[in-house]
Structures are given as C-alpha cells and as structure tokens.
C-alpha cells in the first residue's frame, strides 16, 4: 500500500485491535480503523508507533483530497480550529485514518485527547 500523502510505502508496525502501518518516507500513520473504542488500545503503543519528532512535521498538513489506500475513496478532513487545532484524514467509507508524523502523540496528550476523541467515529 502507498501512503496517501507522499506515496511512500506503508509497512506494518502494529497489529492488534487495529492494524497500523507507517510510511517509510514521511513517517505518517495509517490505521485500518480508528474509533473511540479502539483509541485506548492504540494509546498504549503510541510511543513505539509514532516516530514523529517532538513537533509534528507540517509539510503534509495542507494536503486535501487524499485517497484512502484501503478503499480508494477520498478521505474526509476532520478538523477543529479552537481551542486546539486538530486536523487529520478519516475515510467516511471504511473508517481508516491517516495521521501525519507526530500527530498521534500530540493528539493523545491531555490537552488534545477529548477533542481528538470527539472527531473519531464511535
């Protein structure tokens, strides 16, 4: 599978309640499915899954209309601007999710977690 943002190769990094692939180029994370119910299990592994630097790489943040590598549909952007800025891609068809490098660790921090959960499907 190819990364929806940079078209690098996605490789499996975590298999559990949901499968997680990481792009070898941009380090973005592709979740087969990420829901509110699955988030807690993913959070336990976040430090080993997300290799993003202390601050997320914003080079791919502004990309829109990216295709889901799982079902080839256009992924929706999930977005909150206030009080914290959160933006990531979620496939409306299969609930696959793409987070840029560093976003998982940022969004599961106490400052962001409730807003992040609210953007995920139940």
C-alpha atoms as a PDB file:
ATOM      1  CA  UNK A   1       0.000   0.000   0.000  1.00  0.00           C
ATOM      2  CA  UNK A   2       1.115   3.546  -0.691  1.00  0.00           C
ATOM      3  CA  UNK A   3       0.971   6.480   1.715  1.00  0.00           C
ATOM      4  CA  UNK A   4      -1.993   8.742   0.907  1.00  0.00           C
ATOM      5  CA  UNK A   5       0.148  11.861   1.408  1.00  0.00           C
ATOM      6  CA  UNK A   6       3.639  11.261  -0.033  1.00  0.00           C
ATOM      7  CA  UNK A   7       3.039   7.948  -1.873  1.00  0.00           C
ATOM      8  CA  UNK A   8       5.845   6.270   0.094  1.00  0.00           C
ATOM      9  CA  UNK A   9       5.478   2.628   1.041  1.00  0.00           C
ATOM     10  CA  UNK A  10       3.383   1.768   4.099  1.00  0.00           C
ATOM     11  CA  UNK A  11       4.725  -1.040   6.298  1.00  0.00           C
ATOM     12  CA  UNK A  12       3.038  -2.751   9.244  1.00  0.00           C
ATOM     13  CA  UNK A  13       4.225  -1.538  12.669  1.00  0.00           C
ATOM     14  CA  UNK A  14       1.421  -2.711  14.955  1.00  0.00           C
ATOM     15  CA  UNK A  15      -1.147  -5.470  14.754  1.00  0.00           C
ATOM     16  CA  UNK A  16      -3.759  -5.719  17.435  1.00  0.00           C
ATOM     17  CA  UNK A  17      -7.268  -4.344  17.787  1.00  0.00           C
ATOM     18  CA  UNK A  18      -6.490  -2.386  14.622  1.00  0.00           C
ATOM     19  CA  UNK A  19      -3.609  -2.675  12.179  1.00  0.00           C
ATOM     20  CA  UNK A  20      -1.256   0.292  11.917  1.00  0.00           C
ATOM     21  CA  UNK A  21       1.105   0.959   9.018  1.00  0.00           C
ATOM     22  CA  UNK A  22       3.813   3.607   8.964  1.00  0.00           C
ATOM     23  CA  UNK A  23       5.141   5.367   5.869  1.00  0.00           C
ATOM     24  CA  UNK A  24       8.854   4.790   5.363  1.00  0.00           C
ATOM     25  CA  UNK A  25       9.173   8.259   3.836  1.00  0.00           C
ATOM     26  CA  UNK A  26       7.095  10.773   5.834  1.00  0.00           C
ATOM     27  CA  UNK A  27       6.558   8.576   8.951  1.00  0.00           C
ATOM     28  CA  UNK A  28       2.772   9.177   8.780  1.00  0.00           C
ATOM     29  CA  UNK A  29       0.497   6.536  10.322  1.00  0.00           C
ATOM     30  CA  UNK A  30      -2.319   4.693   8.575  1.00  0.00           C
ATOM     31  CA  UNK A  31      -4.861   2.907  10.789  1.00  0.00           C
ATOM     32  CA  UNK A  32      -7.098   0.267   9.188  1.00  0.00           C
ATOM     33  CA  UNK A  33      -9.735   1.626  11.526  1.00  0.00           C
ATOM     34  CA  UNK A  34      -9.547   4.105  14.374  1.00  0.00           C
ATOM     35  CA  UNK A  35     -12.616   4.627  16.516  1.00  0.00           C
ATOM     36  CA  UNK A  36     -13.211   5.967  20.003  1.00  0.00           C
ATOM     37  CA  UNK A  37     -13.456   2.385  21.268  1.00  0.00           C
ATOM     38  CA  UNK A  38     -10.089   1.384  19.737  1.00  0.00           C
ATOM     39  CA  UNK A  39      -8.199   4.510  20.761  1.00  0.00           C
ATOM     40  CA  UNK A  40      -7.269   3.352  24.268  1.00  0.00           C
ATOM     41  CA  UNK A  41      -5.522   0.210  22.986  1.00  0.00           C
ATOM     42  CA  UNK A  42      -3.616   2.298  20.434  1.00  0.00           C
ATOM     43  CA  UNK A  43      -2.604   4.875  23.062  1.00  0.00           C
ATOM     44  CA  UNK A  44      -0.659   2.223  24.986  1.00  0.00           C
ATOM     45  CA  UNK A  45       1.569   1.680  21.935  1.00  0.00           C
ATOM     46  CA  UNK A  46       1.784   5.323  20.794  1.00  0.00           C
ATOM     47  CA  UNK A  47       5.418   5.810  21.779  1.00  0.00           C
ATOM     48  CA  UNK A  48       6.581   2.924  19.613  1.00  0.00           C
ATOM     49  CA  UNK A  49       4.134   3.536  16.761  1.00  0.00           C
ATOM     50  CA  UNK A  50       4.570   7.290  16.215  1.00  0.00           C
ATOM     51  CA  UNK A  51       8.164   8.174  15.356  1.00  0.00           C
ATOM     52  CA  UNK A  52       7.402  11.834  14.700  1.00  0.00           C
ATOM     53  CA  UNK A  53       9.825  14.267  16.247  1.00  0.00           C
ATOM     54  CA  UNK A  54       8.841  16.384  19.256  1.00  0.00           C
ATOM     55  CA  UNK A  55       6.866  18.624  16.941  1.00  0.00           C
ATOM     56  CA  UNK A  56       4.864  17.182  14.100  1.00  0.00           C
ATOM     57  CA  UNK A  57       6.078  17.678  10.549  1.00  0.00           C
ATOM     58  CA  UNK A  58       3.671  20.142   8.947  1.00  0.00           C
ATOM     59  CA  UNK A  59       4.873  19.585   5.364  1.00  0.00           C
ATOM     60  CA  UNK A  60       1.815  17.449   4.555  1.00  0.00           C
ATOM     61  CA  UNK A  61      -0.766  19.209   6.755  1.00  0.00           C
ATOM     62  CA  UNK A  62      -2.269  21.286   3.980  1.00  0.00           C
ATOM     63  CA  UNK A  63      -2.881  18.393   1.600  1.00  0.00           C
ATOM     64  CA  UNK A  64      -6.545  17.759   0.864  1.00  0.00           C
ATOM     65  CA  UNK A  65      -8.326  15.224  -1.312  1.00  0.00           C
ATOM     66  CA  UNK A  66      -6.103  12.303  -0.430  1.00  0.00           C
ATOM     67  CA  UNK A  67      -7.257   8.803  -1.347  1.00  0.00           C
ATOM     68  CA  UNK A  68      -7.750   6.062   1.202  1.00  0.00           C
ATOM     69  CA  UNK A  69      -5.150   3.355   0.486  1.00  0.00           C
ATOM     70  CA  UNK A  70      -7.611   0.730   1.712  1.00  0.00           C
ATOM     71  CA  UNK A  71     -10.691   1.506  -0.405  1.00  0.00           C
ATOM     72  CA  UNK A  72      -9.555   4.292  -2.812  1.00  0.00           C
ATOM     73  CA  UNK A  73     -12.254   6.737  -1.671  1.00  0.00           C
ATOM     74  CA  UNK A  74     -11.413  10.364  -0.916  1.00  0.00           C
ATOM     75  CA  UNK A  75     -10.739  10.758   2.799  1.00  0.00           C
ATOM     76  CA  UNK A  76     -12.537  13.497   4.753  1.00  0.00           C
ATOM     77  CA  UNK A  77     -10.572  16.004   6.776  1.00  0.00           C
ATOM     78  CA  UNK A  78     -11.575  16.020  10.413  1.00  0.00           C
ATOM     79  CA  UNK A  79     -10.885  19.454  11.808  1.00  0.00           C
ATOM     80  CA  UNK A  80     -11.169  21.556  14.949  1.00  0.00           C
ATOM     81  CA  UNK A  81      -9.585  25.018  14.990  1.00  0.00           C
ATOM     82  CA  UNK A  82     -10.394  26.139  18.558  1.00  0.00           C
ATOM     83  CA  UNK A  83      -9.335  25.798  21.323  1.00  0.00           C
ATOM     84  CA  UNK A  84      -6.726  23.369  19.937  1.00  0.00           C
ATOM     85  CA  UNK A  85      -6.004  22.841  16.259  1.00  0.00           C
ATOM     86  CA  UNK A  86      -6.543  19.230  15.235  1.00  0.00           C
ATOM     87  CA  UNK A  87      -6.614  18.054  11.630  1.00  0.00           C
ATOM     88  CA  UNK A  88      -6.344  14.537  10.211  1.00  0.00           C
ATOM     89  CA  UNK A  89      -7.850  12.352   7.483  1.00  0.00           C
ATOM     90  CA  UNK A  90     -10.638   9.825   8.038  1.00  0.00           C
ATOM     91  CA  UNK A  91     -12.248   7.656   5.369  1.00  0.00           C
ATOM     92  CA  UNK A  92     -16.051   8.010   5.534  1.00  0.00           C
ATOM     93  CA  UNK A  93     -16.457   4.587   3.933  1.00  0.00           C
ATOM     94  CA  UNK A  94     -14.201   2.284   5.968  1.00  0.00           C
ATOM     95  CA  UNK A  95     -13.134   4.465   8.975  1.00  0.00           C
ATOM     96  CA  UNK A  96      -9.458   4.160   8.010  1.00  0.00           C
ATOM     97  CA  UNK A  97      -7.482   7.055   9.486  1.00  0.00           C
ATOM     98  CA  UNK A  98      -4.250   8.788   8.499  1.00  0.00           C
ATOM     99  CA  UNK A  99      -2.231  10.855  10.975  1.00  0.00           C
ATOM    100  CA  UNK A 100       0.875  12.784   9.967  1.00  0.00           C
ATOM    101  CA  UNK A 101       4.067  12.010  11.888  1.00  0.00           C
ATOM    102  CA  UNK A 102       3.850  13.301  15.449  1.00  0.00           C
ATOM    103  CA  UNK A 103       0.089  13.817  15.427  1.00  0.00           C
ATOM    104  CA  UNK A 104      -0.786  10.668  17.374  1.00  0.00           C
ATOM    105  CA  UNK A 105       1.465  11.589  20.278  1.00  0.00           C
ATOM    106  CA  UNK A 106       0.237  15.178  20.209  1.00  0.00           C
ATOM    107  CA  UNK A 107      -3.467  14.331  19.965  1.00  0.00           C
ATOM    108  CA  UNK A 108      -3.436  11.802  22.822  1.00  0.00           C
ATOM    109  CA  UNK A 109      -1.849  14.312  25.200  1.00  0.00           C
ATOM    110  CA  UNK A 110      -4.113  15.634  27.986  1.00  0.00           C
ATOM    111  CA  UNK A 111      -4.502  18.965  26.174  1.00  0.00           C
ATOM    112  CA  UNK A 112      -5.956  17.378  22.996  1.00  0.00           C
ATOM    113  CA  UNK A 113      -7.422  13.982  23.882  1.00  0.00           C
ATOM    114  CA  UNK A 114     -11.083  14.926  24.398  1.00  0.00           C
ATOM    115  CA  UNK A 115     -11.274  16.976  21.192  1.00  0.00           C
ATOM    116  CA  UNK A 116      -9.467  14.228  19.281  1.00  0.00           C
ATOM    117  CA  UNK A 117     -11.889  11.550  20.550  1.00  0.00           C
ATOM    118  CA  UNK A 118     -14.840  13.703  19.534  1.00  0.00           C
ATOM    119  CA  UNK A 119     -13.654  13.618  15.907  1.00  0.00           C
ATOM    120  CA  UNK A 120     -13.392   9.825  15.796  1.00  0.00           C
ATOM    121  CA  UNK A 121     -16.372   7.602  14.980  1.00  0.00           C
ATOM    122  CA  UNK A 122     -17.890   5.715  17.901  1.00  0.00           C
END
